Amino acid sequence: MPKMKTNRGAAKRFKKTASGNFKRGFAFKSHILTKMSTKRKRNLRGTDAIDSADKKAVKRLLPYA
């Protein structure tokens, strides 16, 4: 059976944690940031865990993660 291909877009967006969950960055911080408050931009800097409903789909995109 051939090797499965990793979805390269998903590989750049999600990283697997030690506990088996996936972490992701926040959206809405690429442009038009002048109208956004400093507090909101600061809170978008970090990472968050993906929702449990999406875990199966992300796992399918990253077979070797």
PDB file of N, CA and C in Angstrom:
ATOM      1  N   MET A   1       0.848  -1.181   0.000  1.00  0.00           N
ATOM      2  CA  MET A   1       0.000   0.000   0.000  1.00  0.00           C
ATOM      3  C   MET A   1       0.894   1.245   0.000  1.00  0.00           C
ATOM      4  N   PRO A   2       0.618   2.211  -0.879  1.00  0.00           N
ATOM      5  CA  PRO A   2       1.486   3.394  -0.937  1.00  0.00           C
ATOM      6  C   PRO A   2       1.305   4.291   0.284  1.00  0.00           C
ATOM      7  N   LYS A   3       2.289   5.168   0.443  1.00  0.00           N
ATOM      8  CA  LYS A   3       2.222   6.115   1.544  1.00  0.00           C
ATOM      9  C   LYS A   3       1.069   7.089   1.324  1.00  0.00           C
ATOM     10  N   MET A   4       0.444   7.512   2.417  1.00  0.00           N
ATOM     11  CA  MET A   4      -0.629   8.507   2.315  1.00  0.00           C
ATOM     12  C   MET A   4      -0.015   9.888   2.214  1.00  0.00           C
ATOM     13  N   LYS A   5      -0.670  10.766   1.495  1.00  0.00           N
ATOM     14  CA  LYS A   5      -0.159  12.123   1.360  1.00  0.00           C
ATOM     15  C   LYS A   5      -0.739  13.022   2.447  1.00  0.00           C
ATOM     16  N   THR A   6       0.143  13.825   3.030  1.00  0.00           N
ATOM     17  CA  THR A   6      -0.274  14.830   4.004  1.00  0.00           C
ATOM     18  C   THR A   6      -0.814  16.034   3.254  1.00  0.00           C
ATOM     19  N   ASN A   7      -1.912  16.589   3.715  1.00  0.00           N
ATOM     20  CA  ASN A   7      -2.431  17.828   3.142  1.00  0.00           C
ATOM     21  C   ASN A   7      -1.515  18.959   3.611  1.00  0.00           C
ATOM     22  N   ARG A   8      -0.771  19.570   2.679  1.00  0.00           N
ATOM     23  CA  ARG A   8       0.254  20.541   3.044  1.00  0.00           C
ATOM     24  C   ARG A   8      -0.336  21.824   3.632  1.00  0.00           C
ATOM     25  N   GLY A   9      -1.541  22.195   3.199  1.00  0.00           N
ATOM     26  CA  GLY A   9      -2.186  23.368   3.776  1.00  0.00           C
ATOM     27  C   GLY A   9      -2.520  23.143   5.238  1.00  0.00           C
ATOM     28  N   ALA A  10      -3.002  21.945   5.563  1.00  0.00           N
ATOM     29  CA  ALA A  10      -3.335  21.610   6.946  1.00  0.00           C
ATOM     30  C   ALA A  10      -2.072  21.493   7.796  1.00  0.00           C
ATOM     31  N   ALA A  11      -0.990  20.997   7.205  1.00  0.00           N
ATOM     32  CA  ALA A  11       0.263  20.841   7.942  1.00  0.00           C
ATOM     33  C   ALA A  11       0.805  22.188   8.392  1.00  0.00           C
ATOM     34  N   LYS A  12       0.553  23.236   7.619  1.00  0.00           N
ATOM     35  CA  LYS A  12       1.013  24.577   7.976  1.00  0.00           C
ATOM     36  C   LYS A  12       0.105  25.232   9.011  1.00  0.00           C
ATOM     37  N   ARG A  13      -1.126  24.762   9.130  1.00  0.00           N
ATOM     38  CA  ARG A  13      -2.099  25.402  10.014  1.00  0.00           C
ATOM     39  C   ARG A  13      -2.243  24.726  11.372  1.00  0.00           C
ATOM     40  N   PHE A  14      -1.974  23.425  11.445  1.00  0.00           N
ATOM     41  CA  PHE A  14      -2.202  22.670  12.678  1.00  0.00           C
ATOM     42  C   PHE A  14      -0.932  21.966  13.128  1.00  0.00           C
ATOM     43  N   LYS A  15      -0.723  21.952  14.449  1.00  0.00           N
ATOM     44  CA  LYS A  15       0.384  21.198  15.042  1.00  0.00           C
ATOM     45  C   LYS A  15      -0.205  20.286  16.109  1.00  0.00           C
ATOM     46  N   LYS A  16       0.344  19.083  16.197  1.00  0.00           N
ATOM     47  CA  LYS A  16      -0.142  18.133  17.184  1.00  0.00           C
ATOM     48  C   LYS A  16       0.544  18.378  18.527  1.00  0.00           C
ATOM     49  N   THR A  17      -0.226  18.319  19.609  1.00  0.00           N
ATOM     50  CA  THR A  17       0.320  18.509  20.948  1.00  0.00           C
ATOM     51  C   THR A  17       0.701  17.150  21.537  1.00  0.00           C
ATOM     52  N   ALA A  18       1.394  17.177  22.658  1.00  0.00           N
ATOM     53  CA  ALA A  18       1.837  15.937  23.303  1.00  0.00           C
ATOM     54  C   ALA A  18       0.663  15.079  23.762  1.00  0.00           C
ATOM     55  N   SER A  19      -0.457  15.722  24.080  1.00  0.00           N
ATOM     56  CA  SER A  19      -1.630  14.969  24.552  1.00  0.00           C
ATOM     57  C   SER A  19      -2.479  14.424  23.405  1.00  0.00           C
ATOM     58  N   GLY A  20      -2.071  14.689  22.158  1.00  0.00           N
ATOM     59  CA  GLY A  20      -2.811  14.162  21.016  1.00  0.00           C
ATOM     60  C   GLY A  20      -3.824  15.117  20.424  1.00  0.00           C
ATOM     61  N   ASN A  21      -3.952  16.304  21.003  1.00  0.00           N
ATOM     62  CA  ASN A  21      -4.859  17.301  20.438  1.00  0.00           C
ATOM     63  C   ASN A  21      -4.125  18.083  19.353  1.00  0.00           C
ATOM     64  N   PHE A  22      -4.847  18.964  18.673  1.00  0.00           N
ATOM     65  CA  PHE A  22      -4.236  19.812  17.665  1.00  0.00           C
ATOM     66  C   PHE A  22      -4.407  21.265  18.074  1.00  0.00           C
ATOM     67  N   LYS A  23      -3.357  22.066  17.853  1.00  0.00           N
ATOM     68  CA  LYS A  23      -3.468  23.492  18.140  1.00  0.00           C
ATOM     69  C   LYS A  23      -3.512  24.255  16.830  1.00  0.00           C
ATOM     70  N   ARG A  24      -4.141  25.421  16.878  1.00  0.00           N
ATOM     71  CA  ARG A  24      -4.329  26.238  15.687  1.00  0.00           C
ATOM     72  C   ARG A  24      -4.131  27.693  16.031  1.00  0.00           C
ATOM     73  N   GLY A  25      -3.875  28.497  15.022  1.00  0.00           N
ATOM     74  CA  GLY A  25      -3.782  29.928  15.206  1.00  0.00           C
ATOM     75  C   GLY A  25      -5.156  30.553  15.041  1.00  0.00           C
ATOM     76  N   PHE A  26      -5.253  31.849  15.321  1.00  0.00           N
ATOM     77  CA  PHE A  26      -6.514  32.559  15.176  1.00  0.00           C
ATOM     78  C   PHE A  26      -6.601  33.232  13.812  1.00  0.00           C
ATOM     79  N   ALA A  27      -7.800  33.375  13.309  1.00  0.00           N
ATOM     80  CA  ALA A  27      -8.035  34.059  12.037  1.00  0.00           C
ATOM     81  C   ALA A  27      -8.186  35.562  12.273  1.00  0.00           C
ATOM     82  N   PHE A  28      -8.369  36.304  11.215  1.00  0.00           N
ATOM     83  CA  PHE A  28      -8.669  37.747  11.237  1.00  0.00           C
ATOM     84  C   PHE A  28      -7.507  38.615  11.726  1.00  0.00           C
ATOM     85  N   LYS A  29      -6.275  38.281  11.357  1.00  0.00           N
ATOM     86  CA  LYS A  29      -5.165  39.159  11.749  1.00  0.00           C
ATOM     87  C   LYS A  29      -4.172  39.380  10.620  1.00  0.00           C
ATOM     88  N   SER A  30      -4.651  39.356   9.389  1.00  0.00           N
ATOM     89  CA  SER A  30      -3.733  39.527   8.264  1.00  0.00           C
ATOM     90  C   SER A  30      -3.740  40.930   7.676  1.00  0.00           C
ATOM     91  N   HIS A  31      -4.878  41.593   7.647  1.00  0.00           N
ATOM     92  CA  HIS A  31      -4.935  42.953   7.109  1.00  0.00           C
ATOM     93  C   HIS A  31      -6.144  43.683   7.672  1.00  0.00           C
ATOM     94  N   ILE A  32      -6.229  44.973   7.392  1.00  0.00           N
ATOM     95  CA  ILE A  32      -7.262  45.870   7.944  1.00  0.00           C
ATOM     96  C   ILE A  32      -7.244  45.796   9.478  1.00  0.00           C
ATOM     97  N   LEU A  33      -6.059  46.006  10.042  1.00  0.00           N
ATOM     98  CA  LEU A  33      -5.906  45.904  11.488  1.00  0.00           C
ATOM     99  C   LEU A  33      -6.018  47.257  12.193  1.00  0.00           C
ATOM    100  N   THR A  34      -6.125  48.349  11.417  1.00  0.00           N
ATOM    101  CA  THR A  34      -6.147  49.671  12.031  1.00  0.00           C
ATOM    102  C   THR A  34      -7.424  49.923  12.828  1.00  0.00           C
ATOM    103  N   LYS A  35      -8.518  49.342  12.389  1.00  0.00           N
ATOM    104  CA  LYS A  35      -9.786  49.547  13.101  1.00  0.00           C
ATOM    105  C   LYS A  35      -9.950  48.613  14.296  1.00  0.00           C
ATOM    106  N   MET A  36      -9.053  47.635  14.429  1.00  0.00           N
ATOM    107  CA  MET A  36      -9.145  46.657  15.501  1.00  0.00           C
ATOM    108  C   MET A  36      -8.408  47.164  16.735  1.00  0.00           C
ATOM    109  N   SER A  37      -8.971  46.921  17.896  1.00  0.00           N
ATOM    110  CA  SER A  37      -8.339  47.398  19.129  1.00  0.00           C
ATOM    111  C   SER A  37      -7.048  46.619  19.399  1.00  0.00           C
ATOM    112  N   THR A  38      -6.158  47.253  20.126  1.00  0.00           N
ATOM    113  CA  THR A  38      -4.877  46.624  20.465  1.00  0.00           C
ATOM    114  C   THR A  38      -5.097  45.364  21.285  1.00  0.00           C
ATOM    115  N   LYS A  39      -6.069  45.403  22.169  1.00  0.00           N
ATOM    116  CA  LYS A  39      -6.370  44.244  23.011  1.00  0.00           C
ATOM    117  C   LYS A  39      -6.811  43.053  22.165  1.00  0.00           C
ATOM    118  N   ARG A  40      -7.655  43.308  21.177  1.00  0.00           N
ATOM    119  CA  ARG A  40      -8.141  42.228  20.326  1.00  0.00           C
ATOM    120  C   ARG A  40      -7.011  41.628  19.493  1.00  0.00           C
ATOM    121  N   LYS A  41      -6.150  42.488  18.957  1.00  0.00           N
ATOM    122  CA  LYS A  41      -5.013  42.006  18.166  1.00  0.00           C
ATOM    123  C   LYS A  41      -4.056  41.190  19.028  1.00  0.00           C
ATOM    124  N   ARG A  42      -3.856  41.624  20.254  1.00  0.00           N
ATOM    125  CA  ARG A  42      -2.974  40.907  21.181  1.00  0.00           C
ATOM    126  C   ARG A  42      -3.528  39.530  21.508  1.00  0.00           C
ATOM    127  N   ASN A  43      -4.833  39.432  21.703  1.00  0.00           N
ATOM    128  CA  ASN A  43      -5.454  38.143  22.019  1.00  0.00           C
ATOM    129  C   ASN A  43      -5.465  37.183  20.836  1.00  0.00           C
ATOM    130  N   LEU A  44      -5.380  37.712  19.618  1.00  0.00           N
ATOM    131  CA  LEU A  44      -5.340  36.864  18.432  1.00  0.00           C
ATOM    132  C   LEU A  44      -3.946  36.295  18.162  1.00  0.00           C
ATOM    133  N   ARG A  45      -2.951  36.776  18.894  1.00  0.00           N
ATOM    134  CA  ARG A  45      -1.572  36.331  18.681  1.00  0.00           C
ATOM    135  C   ARG A  45      -1.340  34.868  19.051  1.00  0.00           C
ATOM    136  N   GLY A  46      -1.990  34.409  20.096  1.00  0.00           N
ATOM    137  CA  GLY A  46      -1.703  33.092  20.652  1.00  0.00           C
ATOM    138  C   GLY A  46      -2.287  31.957  19.834  1.00  0.00           C
ATOM    139  N   THR A  47      -2.363  30.801  20.446  1.00  0.00           N
ATOM    140  CA  THR A  47      -2.938  29.621  19.800  1.00  0.00           C
ATOM    141  C   THR A  47      -4.088  29.103  20.641  1.00  0.00           C
ATOM    142  N   ASP A  48      -4.867  28.211  20.047  1.00  0.00           N
ATOM    143  CA  ASP A  48      -6.022  27.621  20.704  1.00  0.00           C
ATOM    144  C   ASP A  48      -6.123  26.176  20.240  1.00  0.00           C
ATOM    145  N   ALA A  49      -6.793  25.338  20.991  1.00  0.00           N
ATOM    146  CA  ALA A  49      -7.029  23.951  20.576  1.00  0.00           C
ATOM    147  C   ALA A  49      -8.209  23.915  19.606  1.00  0.00           C
ATOM    148  N   ILE A  50      -8.176  22.973  18.674  1.00  0.00           N
ATOM    149  CA  ILE A  50      -9.304  22.857  17.748  1.00  0.00           C
ATOM    150  C   ILE A  50     -10.485  22.237  18.477  1.00  0.00           C
ATOM    151  N   ASP A  51     -11.659  22.433  17.934  1.00  0.00           N
ATOM    152  CA  ASP A  51     -12.877  21.892  18.529  1.00  0.00           C
ATOM    153  C   ASP A  51     -12.877  20.377  18.396  1.00  0.00           C
ATOM    154  N   SER A  52     -13.470  19.697  19.353  1.00  0.00           N
ATOM    155  CA  SER A  52     -13.484  18.238  19.338  1.00  0.00           C
ATOM    156  C   SER A  52     -14.238  17.680  18.129  1.00  0.00           C
ATOM    157  N   ALA A  53     -15.205  18.442  17.617  1.00  0.00           N
ATOM    158  CA  ALA A  53     -15.961  17.994  16.450  1.00  0.00           C
ATOM    159  C   ALA A  53     -15.099  17.981  15.186  1.00  0.00           C
ATOM    160  N   ASP A  54     -14.020  18.781  15.162  1.00  0.00           N
ATOM    161  CA  ASP A  54     -13.161  18.863  13.982  1.00  0.00           C
ATOM    162  C   ASP A  54     -11.944  17.950  14.060  1.00  0.00           C
ATOM    163  N   LYS A  55     -11.735  17.291  15.179  1.00  0.00           N
ATOM    164  CA  LYS A  55     -10.526  16.492  15.387  1.00  0.00           C
ATOM    165  C   LYS A  55     -10.402  15.365  14.361  1.00  0.00           C
ATOM    166  N   LYS A  56     -11.493  14.684  14.068  1.00  0.00           N
ATOM    167  CA  LYS A  56     -11.469  13.571  13.125  1.00  0.00           C
ATOM    168  C   LYS A  56     -11.089  14.039  11.718  1.00  0.00           C
ATOM    169  N   ALA A  57     -11.609  15.183  11.317  1.00  0.00           N
ATOM    170  CA  ALA A  57     -11.317  15.714   9.982  1.00  0.00           C
ATOM    171  C   ALA A  57      -9.856  16.138   9.862  1.00  0.00           C
ATOM    172  N   VAL A  58      -9.324  16.772  10.891  1.00  0.00           N
ATOM    173  CA  VAL A  58      -7.927  17.208  10.856  1.00  0.00           C
ATOM    174  C   VAL A  58      -7.002  16.015  10.886  1.00  0.00           C
ATOM    175  N   LYS A  59      -7.344  15.000  11.661  1.00  0.00           N
ATOM    176  CA  LYS A  59      -6.549  13.771  11.726  1.00  0.00           C
ATOM    177  C   LYS A  59      -6.461  13.090  10.363  1.00  0.00           C
ATOM    178  N   ARG A  60      -7.531  13.173   9.585  1.00  0.00           N
ATOM    179  CA  ARG A  60      -7.557  12.592   8.247  1.00  0.00           C
ATOM    180  C   ARG A  60      -6.628  13.349   7.292  1.00  0.00           C
ATOM    181  N   LEU A  61      -6.526  14.672   7.487  1.00  0.00           N
ATOM    182  CA  LEU A  61      -5.665  15.490   6.636  1.00  0.00           C
ATOM    183  C   LEU A  61      -4.184  15.326   6.983  1.00  0.00           C
ATOM    184  N   LEU A  62      -3.898  14.942   8.240  1.00  0.00           N
ATOM    185  CA  LEU A  62      -2.526  14.798   8.712  1.00  0.00           C
ATOM    186  C   LEU A  62      -2.288  13.363   9.179  1.00  0.00           C
ATOM    187  N   PRO A  63      -2.140  12.420   8.273  1.00  0.00           N
ATOM    188  CA  PRO A  63      -2.068  11.020   8.680  1.00  0.00           C
ATOM    189  C   PRO A  63      -0.836  10.670   9.509  1.00  0.00           C
ATOM    190  N   TYR A  64       0.245  11.422   9.376  1.00  0.00           N
ATOM    191  CA  TYR A  64       1.467  11.082  10.117  1.00  0.00           C
ATOM    192  C   TYR A  64       1.770  12.041  11.252  1.00  0.00           C
ATOM    193  N   ALA A  65       0.812  12.881  11.606  1.00  0.00           N
ATOM    194  CA  ALA A  65       1.026  13.839  12.713  1.00  0.00           C
ATOM    195  C   ALA A  65       0.723  13.197  14.045  1.00  0.00           C
TER     196      ALA A  65
END
